[in-house]
Amino acid sequence: MPEIEIKVLNASPDIRAMLSEILVETVANGGSVSFMHPLASEVADAFWENSLAAAARGANPWRQRNR
């Protein structure tokens, strides 16, 4: 089995765009990830921008979002 490596993501526009696309497609295909269809790409981008910024500060972005 190959070794798994976890890397820190930065909040670059390219990374956020890729993550946002995955999130929008997941929701569109019935994924239960706390968002409702249709999910606007701007909403997904804002989610990832805030989540990655929280993670960079050492916060748990999911705990912050669900308060």
PDB file of N, CA and C in Angstrom:
ATOM      1  N   MET A   1       0.845  -1.182   0.000  1.00  0.00           N
ATOM      2  CA  MET A   1       0.000   0.000   0.000  1.00  0.00           C
ATOM      3  C   MET A   1       0.889   1.242   0.000  1.00  0.00           C
ATOM      4  N   PRO A   2       0.616   2.201  -0.891  1.00  0.00           N
ATOM      5  CA  PRO A   2       1.439   3.407  -0.944  1.00  0.00           C
ATOM      6  C   PRO A   2       1.234   4.256   0.310  1.00  0.00           C
ATOM      7  N   GLU A   3       2.267   4.983   0.658  1.00  0.00           N
ATOM      8  CA  GLU A   3       2.201   5.863   1.817  1.00  0.00           C
ATOM      9  C   GLU A   3       1.323   7.076   1.489  1.00  0.00           C
ATOM     10  N   ILE A   4       0.498   7.458   2.446  1.00  0.00           N
ATOM     11  CA  ILE A   4      -0.380   8.624   2.264  1.00  0.00           C
ATOM     12  C   ILE A   4       0.322   9.847   2.823  1.00  0.00           C
ATOM     13  N   GLU A   5       0.328  10.913   2.045  1.00  0.00           N
ATOM     14  CA  GLU A   5       0.946  12.161   2.472  1.00  0.00           C
ATOM     15  C   GLU A   5      -0.117  13.259   2.504  1.00  0.00           C
ATOM     16  N   ILE A   6      -0.226  13.923   3.620  1.00  0.00           N
ATOM     17  CA  ILE A   6      -1.179  15.021   3.767  1.00  0.00           C
ATOM     18  C   ILE A   6      -0.415  16.327   3.649  1.00  0.00           C
ATOM     19  N   LYS A   7      -0.879  17.197   2.767  1.00  0.00           N
ATOM     20  CA  LYS A   7      -0.222  18.481   2.556  1.00  0.00           C
ATOM     21  C   LYS A   7      -1.192  19.611   2.865  1.00  0.00           C
ATOM     22  N   VAL A   8      -0.644  20.723   3.302  1.00  0.00           N
ATOM     23  CA  VAL A   8      -1.431  21.908   3.586  1.00  0.00           C
ATOM     24  C   VAL A   8      -1.813  22.577   2.273  1.00  0.00           C
ATOM     25  N   LEU A   9      -3.085  22.963   2.151  1.00  0.00           N
ATOM     26  CA  LEU A   9      -3.537  23.705   0.970  1.00  0.00           C
ATOM     27  C   LEU A   9      -3.447  25.192   1.244  1.00  0.00           C
ATOM     28  N   ASN A  10      -3.089  25.949   0.230  1.00  0.00           N
ATOM     29  CA  ASN A  10      -3.146  27.398   0.383  1.00  0.00           C
ATOM     30  C   ASN A  10      -4.465  27.892  -0.208  1.00  0.00           C
ATOM     31  N   ALA A  11      -4.759  29.121   0.014  1.00  0.00           N
ATOM     32  CA  ALA A  11      -6.045  29.670  -0.423  1.00  0.00           C
ATOM     33  C   ALA A  11      -5.932  30.388  -1.766  1.00  0.00           C
ATOM     34  N   SER A  12      -5.083  29.900  -2.647  1.00  0.00           N
ATOM     35  CA  SER A  12      -4.935  30.533  -3.960  1.00  0.00           C
ATOM     36  C   SER A  12      -6.245  30.420  -4.747  1.00  0.00           C
ATOM     37  N   PRO A  13      -6.474  31.342  -5.658  1.00  0.00           N
ATOM     38  CA  PRO A  13      -7.690  31.271  -6.468  1.00  0.00           C
ATOM     39  C   PRO A  13      -7.829  29.947  -7.225  1.00  0.00           C
ATOM     40  N   ASP A  14      -6.733  29.383  -7.701  1.00  0.00           N
ATOM     41  CA  ASP A  14      -6.800  28.111  -8.432  1.00  0.00           C
ATOM     42  C   ASP A  14      -7.246  26.969  -7.525  1.00  0.00           C
ATOM     43  N   ILE A  15      -6.694  26.904  -6.329  1.00  0.00           N
ATOM     44  CA  ILE A  15      -7.075  25.853  -5.379  1.00  0.00           C
ATOM     45  C   ILE A  15      -8.539  26.008  -4.989  1.00  0.00           C
ATOM     46  N   ARG A  16      -8.950  27.247  -4.660  1.00  0.00           N
ATOM     47  CA  ARG A  16     -10.355  27.493  -4.292  1.00  0.00           C
ATOM     48  C   ARG A  16     -11.289  27.141  -5.434  1.00  0.00           C
ATOM     49  N   ALA A  17     -10.912  27.444  -6.673  1.00  0.00           N
ATOM     50  CA  ALA A  17     -11.760  27.130  -7.831  1.00  0.00           C
ATOM     51  C   ALA A  17     -11.946  25.623  -7.974  1.00  0.00           C
ATOM     52  N   MET A  18     -10.871  24.867  -7.787  1.00  0.00           N
ATOM     53  CA  MET A  18     -10.976  23.406  -7.891  1.00  0.00           C
ATOM     54  C   MET A  18     -11.842  22.833  -6.767  1.00  0.00           C
ATOM     55  N   LEU A  19     -11.608  23.299  -5.544  1.00  0.00           N
ATOM     56  CA  LEU A  19     -12.412  22.821  -4.415  1.00  0.00           C
ATOM     57  C   LEU A  19     -13.874  23.214  -4.572  1.00  0.00           C
ATOM     58  N   SER A  20     -14.117  24.424  -5.061  1.00  0.00           N
ATOM     59  CA  SER A  20     -15.488  24.902  -5.261  1.00  0.00           C
ATOM     60  C   SER A  20     -16.210  24.066  -6.308  1.00  0.00           C
ATOM     61  N   GLU A  21     -15.516  23.733  -7.380  1.00  0.00           N
ATOM     62  CA  GLU A  21     -16.117  22.907  -8.426  1.00  0.00           C
ATOM     63  C   GLU A  21     -16.511  21.530  -7.877  1.00  0.00           C
ATOM     64  N   ILE A  22     -15.622  20.954  -7.079  1.00  0.00           N
ATOM     65  CA  ILE A  22     -15.925  19.653  -6.466  1.00  0.00           C
ATOM     66  C   ILE A  22     -17.142  19.782  -5.552  1.00  0.00           C
ATOM     67  N   LEU A  23     -17.200  20.833  -4.748  1.00  0.00           N
ATOM     68  CA  LEU A  23     -18.316  21.025  -3.821  1.00  0.00           C
ATOM     69  C   LEU A  23     -19.629  21.229  -4.570  1.00  0.00           C
ATOM     70  N   VAL A  24     -19.642  22.074  -5.591  1.00  0.00           N
ATOM     71  CA  VAL A  24     -20.856  22.313  -6.378  1.00  0.00           C
ATOM     72  C   VAL A  24     -21.331  21.024  -7.028  1.00  0.00           C
ATOM     73  N   GLU A  25     -20.428  20.251  -7.613  1.00  0.00           N
ATOM     74  CA  GLU A  25     -20.802  18.992  -8.260  1.00  0.00           C
ATOM     75  C   GLU A  25     -21.297  17.959  -7.251  1.00  0.00           C
ATOM     76  N   THR A  26     -20.676  17.918  -6.092  1.00  0.00           N
ATOM     77  CA  THR A  26     -21.115  16.992  -5.043  1.00  0.00           C
ATOM     78  C   THR A  26     -22.541  17.288  -4.627  1.00  0.00           C
ATOM     79  N   VAL A  27     -22.835  18.562  -4.391  1.00  0.00           N
ATOM     80  CA  VAL A  27     -24.190  18.965  -3.992  1.00  0.00           C
ATOM     81  C   VAL A  27     -25.181  18.698  -5.129  1.00  0.00           C
ATOM     82  N   ALA A  28     -24.791  18.999  -6.355  1.00  0.00           N
ATOM     83  CA  ALA A  28     -25.678  18.790  -7.503  1.00  0.00           C
ATOM     84  C   ALA A  28     -26.031  17.317  -7.696  1.00  0.00           C
ATOM     85  N   ASN A  29     -25.138  16.439  -7.256  1.00  0.00           N
ATOM     86  CA  ASN A  29     -25.370  15.005  -7.415  1.00  0.00           C
ATOM     87  C   ASN A  29     -25.877  14.337  -6.143  1.00  0.00           C
ATOM     88  N   GLY A  30     -26.404  15.156  -5.230  1.00  0.00           N
ATOM     89  CA  GLY A  30     -27.071  14.611  -4.046  1.00  0.00           C
ATOM     90  C   GLY A  30     -26.209  14.410  -2.828  1.00  0.00           C
ATOM     91  N   GLY A  31     -24.980  14.895  -2.863  1.00  0.00           N
ATOM     92  CA  GLY A  31     -24.116  14.752  -1.699  1.00  0.00           C
ATOM     93  C   GLY A  31     -24.644  15.554  -0.523  1.00  0.00           C
ATOM     94  N   SER A  32     -24.669  14.936   0.630  1.00  0.00           N
ATOM     95  CA  SER A  32     -25.155  15.594   1.842  1.00  0.00           C
ATOM     96  C   SER A  32     -23.975  16.213   2.569  1.00  0.00           C
ATOM     97  N   VAL A  33     -23.690  17.455   2.241  1.00  0.00           N
ATOM     98  CA  VAL A  33     -22.525  18.138   2.811  1.00  0.00           C
ATOM     99  C   VAL A  33     -22.895  19.516   3.364  1.00  0.00           C
ATOM    100  N   SER A  34     -24.088  19.646   3.922  1.00  0.00           N
ATOM    101  CA  SER A  34     -24.566  20.876   4.575  1.00  0.00           C
ATOM    102  C   SER A  34     -24.910  22.013   3.616  1.00  0.00           C
ATOM    103  N   PHE A  35     -25.070  21.730   2.343  1.00  0.00           N
ATOM    104  CA  PHE A  35     -25.490  22.733   1.362  1.00  0.00           C
ATOM    105  C   PHE A  35     -26.672  22.188   0.582  1.00  0.00           C
ATOM    106  N   MET A  36     -27.484  23.096   0.041  1.00  0.00           N
ATOM    107  CA  MET A  36     -28.651  22.705  -0.751  1.00  0.00           C
ATOM    108  C   MET A  36     -28.394  23.015  -2.222  1.00  0.00           C
ATOM    109  N   HIS A  37     -28.952  22.180  -3.083  1.00  0.00           N
ATOM    110  CA  HIS A  37     -28.878  22.381  -4.534  1.00  0.00           C
ATOM    111  C   HIS A  37     -29.943  23.384  -4.942  1.00  0.00           C
ATOM    112  N   PRO A  38     -29.686  24.311  -5.818  1.00  0.00           N
ATOM    113  CA  PRO A  38     -28.421  24.556  -6.507  1.00  0.00           C
ATOM    114  C   PRO A  38     -27.480  25.398  -5.636  1.00  0.00           C
ATOM    115  N   LEU A  39     -26.224  25.053  -5.643  1.00  0.00           N
ATOM    116  CA  LEU A  39     -25.200  25.775  -4.893  1.00  0.00           C
ATOM    117  C   LEU A  39     -24.438  26.663  -5.862  1.00  0.00           C
ATOM    118  N   ALA A  40     -24.507  27.967  -5.644  1.00  0.00           N
ATOM    119  CA  ALA A  40     -23.802  28.919  -6.510  1.00  0.00           C
ATOM    120  C   ALA A  40     -22.297  28.800  -6.302  1.00  0.00           C
ATOM    121  N   SER A  41     -21.548  28.931  -7.379  1.00  0.00           N
ATOM    122  CA  SER A  41     -20.088  28.822  -7.278  1.00  0.00           C
ATOM    123  C   SER A  41     -19.517  29.899  -6.361  1.00  0.00           C
ATOM    124  N   GLU A  42     -20.169  31.063  -6.298  1.00  0.00           N
ATOM    125  CA  GLU A  42     -19.696  32.135  -5.413  1.00  0.00           C
ATOM    126  C   GLU A  42     -19.833  31.743  -3.944  1.00  0.00           C
ATOM    127  N   VAL A  43     -20.900  31.026  -3.625  1.00  0.00           N
ATOM    128  CA  VAL A  43     -21.112  30.556  -2.250  1.00  0.00           C
ATOM    129  C   VAL A  43     -20.070  29.497  -1.904  1.00  0.00           C
ATOM    130  N   ALA A  44     -19.821  28.591  -2.833  1.00  0.00           N
ATOM    131  CA  ALA A  44     -18.803  27.559  -2.611  1.00  0.00           C
ATOM    132  C   ALA A  44     -17.428  28.187  -2.445  1.00  0.00           C
ATOM    133  N   ASP A  45     -17.106  29.181  -3.259  1.00  0.00           N
ATOM    134  CA  ASP A  45     -15.807  29.845  -3.163  1.00  0.00           C
ATOM    135  C   ASP A  45     -15.665  30.554  -1.816  1.00  0.00           C
ATOM    136  N   ALA A  46     -16.716  31.237  -1.373  1.00  0.00           N
ATOM    137  CA  ALA A  46     -16.664  31.916  -0.075  1.00  0.00           C
ATOM    138  C   ALA A  46     -16.467  30.910   1.055  1.00  0.00           C
ATOM    139  N   PHE A  47     -17.141  29.756   0.958  1.00  0.00           N
ATOM    140  CA  PHE A  47     -16.961  28.706   1.957  1.00  0.00           C
ATOM    141  C   PHE A  47     -15.498  28.285   2.022  1.00  0.00           C
ATOM    142  N   TRP A  48     -14.902  28.005   0.867  1.00  0.00           N
ATOM    143  CA  TRP A  48     -13.508  27.546   0.867  1.00  0.00           C
ATOM    144  C   TRP A  48     -12.553  28.648   1.271  1.00  0.00           C
ATOM    145  N   GLU A  49     -12.809  29.873   0.868  1.00  0.00           N
ATOM    146  CA  GLU A  49     -11.937  30.982   1.283  1.00  0.00           C
ATOM    147  C   GLU A  49     -11.928  31.094   2.808  1.00  0.00           C
ATOM    148  N   ASN A  50     -13.113  31.070   3.420  1.00  0.00           N
ATOM    149  CA  ASN A  50     -13.209  31.173   4.882  1.00  0.00           C
ATOM    150  C   ASN A  50     -12.631  29.939   5.574  1.00  0.00           C
ATOM    151  N   SER A  51     -12.907  28.759   5.028  1.00  0.00           N
ATOM    152  CA  SER A  51     -12.421  27.523   5.650  1.00  0.00           C
ATOM    153  C   SER A  51     -10.901  27.424   5.601  1.00  0.00           C
ATOM    154  N   LEU A  52     -10.310  27.755   4.460  1.00  0.00           N
ATOM    155  CA  LEU A  52      -8.856  27.695   4.349  1.00  0.00           C
ATOM    156  C   LEU A  52      -8.185  28.756   5.206  1.00  0.00           C
ATOM    157  N   ALA A  53      -8.807  29.936   5.318  1.00  0.00           N
ATOM    158  CA  ALA A  53      -8.254  30.985   6.183  1.00  0.00           C
ATOM    159  C   ALA A  53      -8.320  30.553   7.647  1.00  0.00           C
ATOM    160  N   ALA A  54      -9.422  29.936   8.041  1.00  0.00           N
ATOM    161  CA  ALA A  54      -9.553  29.444   9.418  1.00  0.00           C
ATOM    162  C   ALA A  54      -8.517  28.364   9.700  1.00  0.00           C
ATOM    163  N   ALA A  55      -8.333  27.464   8.757  1.00  0.00           N
ATOM    164  CA  ALA A  55      -7.349  26.397   8.932  1.00  0.00           C
ATOM    165  C   ALA A  55      -5.937  26.977   9.040  1.00  0.00           C
ATOM    166  N   ALA A  56      -5.652  28.020   8.268  1.00  0.00           N
ATOM    167  CA  ALA A  56      -4.333  28.662   8.325  1.00  0.00           C
ATOM    168  C   ALA A  56      -4.090  29.297   9.691  1.00  0.00           C
ATOM    169  N   ARG A  57      -5.156  29.738  10.352  1.00  0.00           N
ATOM    170  CA  ARG A  57      -5.049  30.307  11.703  1.00  0.00           C
ATOM    171  C   ARG A  57      -4.987  29.214  12.770  1.00  0.00           C
ATOM    172  N   GLY A  58      -5.149  27.970  12.358  1.00  0.00           N
ATOM    173  CA  GLY A  58      -5.126  26.867  13.301  1.00  0.00           C
ATOM    174  C   GLY A  58      -6.489  26.520  13.858  1.00  0.00           C
ATOM    175  N   ALA A  59      -7.537  27.169  13.345  1.00  0.00           N
ATOM    176  CA  ALA A  59      -8.892  26.893  13.802  1.00  0.00           C
ATOM    177  C   ALA A  59      -9.458  25.695  13.047  1.00  0.00           C
ATOM    178  N   ASN A  60     -10.490  25.102  13.608  1.00  0.00           N
ATOM    179  CA  ASN A  60     -11.214  24.030  12.928  1.00  0.00           C
ATOM    180  C   ASN A  60     -12.343  24.698  12.150  1.00  0.00           C
ATOM    181  N   PRO A  61     -12.232  24.799  10.816  1.00  0.00           N
ATOM    182  CA  PRO A  61     -13.236  25.544  10.044  1.00  0.00           C
ATOM    183  C   PRO A  61     -14.631  24.946  10.121  1.00  0.00           C
ATOM    184  N   TRP A  62     -14.749  23.630  10.292  1.00  0.00           N
ATOM    185  CA  TRP A  62     -16.068  23.020  10.350  1.00  0.00           C
ATOM    186  C   TRP A  62     -16.734  23.297  11.689  1.00  0.00           C
ATOM    187  N   ARG A  63     -15.969  23.332  12.754  1.00  0.00           N
ATOM    188  CA  ARG A  63     -16.519  23.675  14.053  1.00  0.00           C
ATOM    189  C   ARG A  63     -17.008  25.119  14.040  1.00  0.00           C
ATOM    190  N   GLN A  64     -16.248  26.026  13.427  1.00  0.00           N
ATOM    191  CA  GLN A  64     -16.631  27.425  13.347  1.00  0.00           C
ATOM    192  C   GLN A  64     -17.923  27.596  12.561  1.00  0.00           C
ATOM    193  N   ARG A  65     -18.050  26.860  11.461  1.00  0.00           N
ATOM    194  CA  ARG A  65     -19.205  27.000  10.567  1.00  0.00           C
ATOM    195  C   ARG A  65     -20.495  26.493  11.208  1.00  0.00           C
ATOM    196  N   ASN A  66     -20.397  25.470  12.024  1.00  0.00           N
ATOM    197  CA  ASN A  66     -21.586  24.832  12.573  1.00  0.00           C
ATOM    198  C   ASN A  66     -22.004  25.381  13.930  1.00  0.00           C
ATOM    199  N   ARG A  67     -21.460  26.472  14.356  1.00  0.00           N
ATOM    200  CA  ARG A  67     -21.856  27.078  15.629  1.00  0.00           C
ATOM    201  C   ARG A  67     -23.135  27.837  15.486  1.00  0.00           C
TER     202      ARG A  67
END
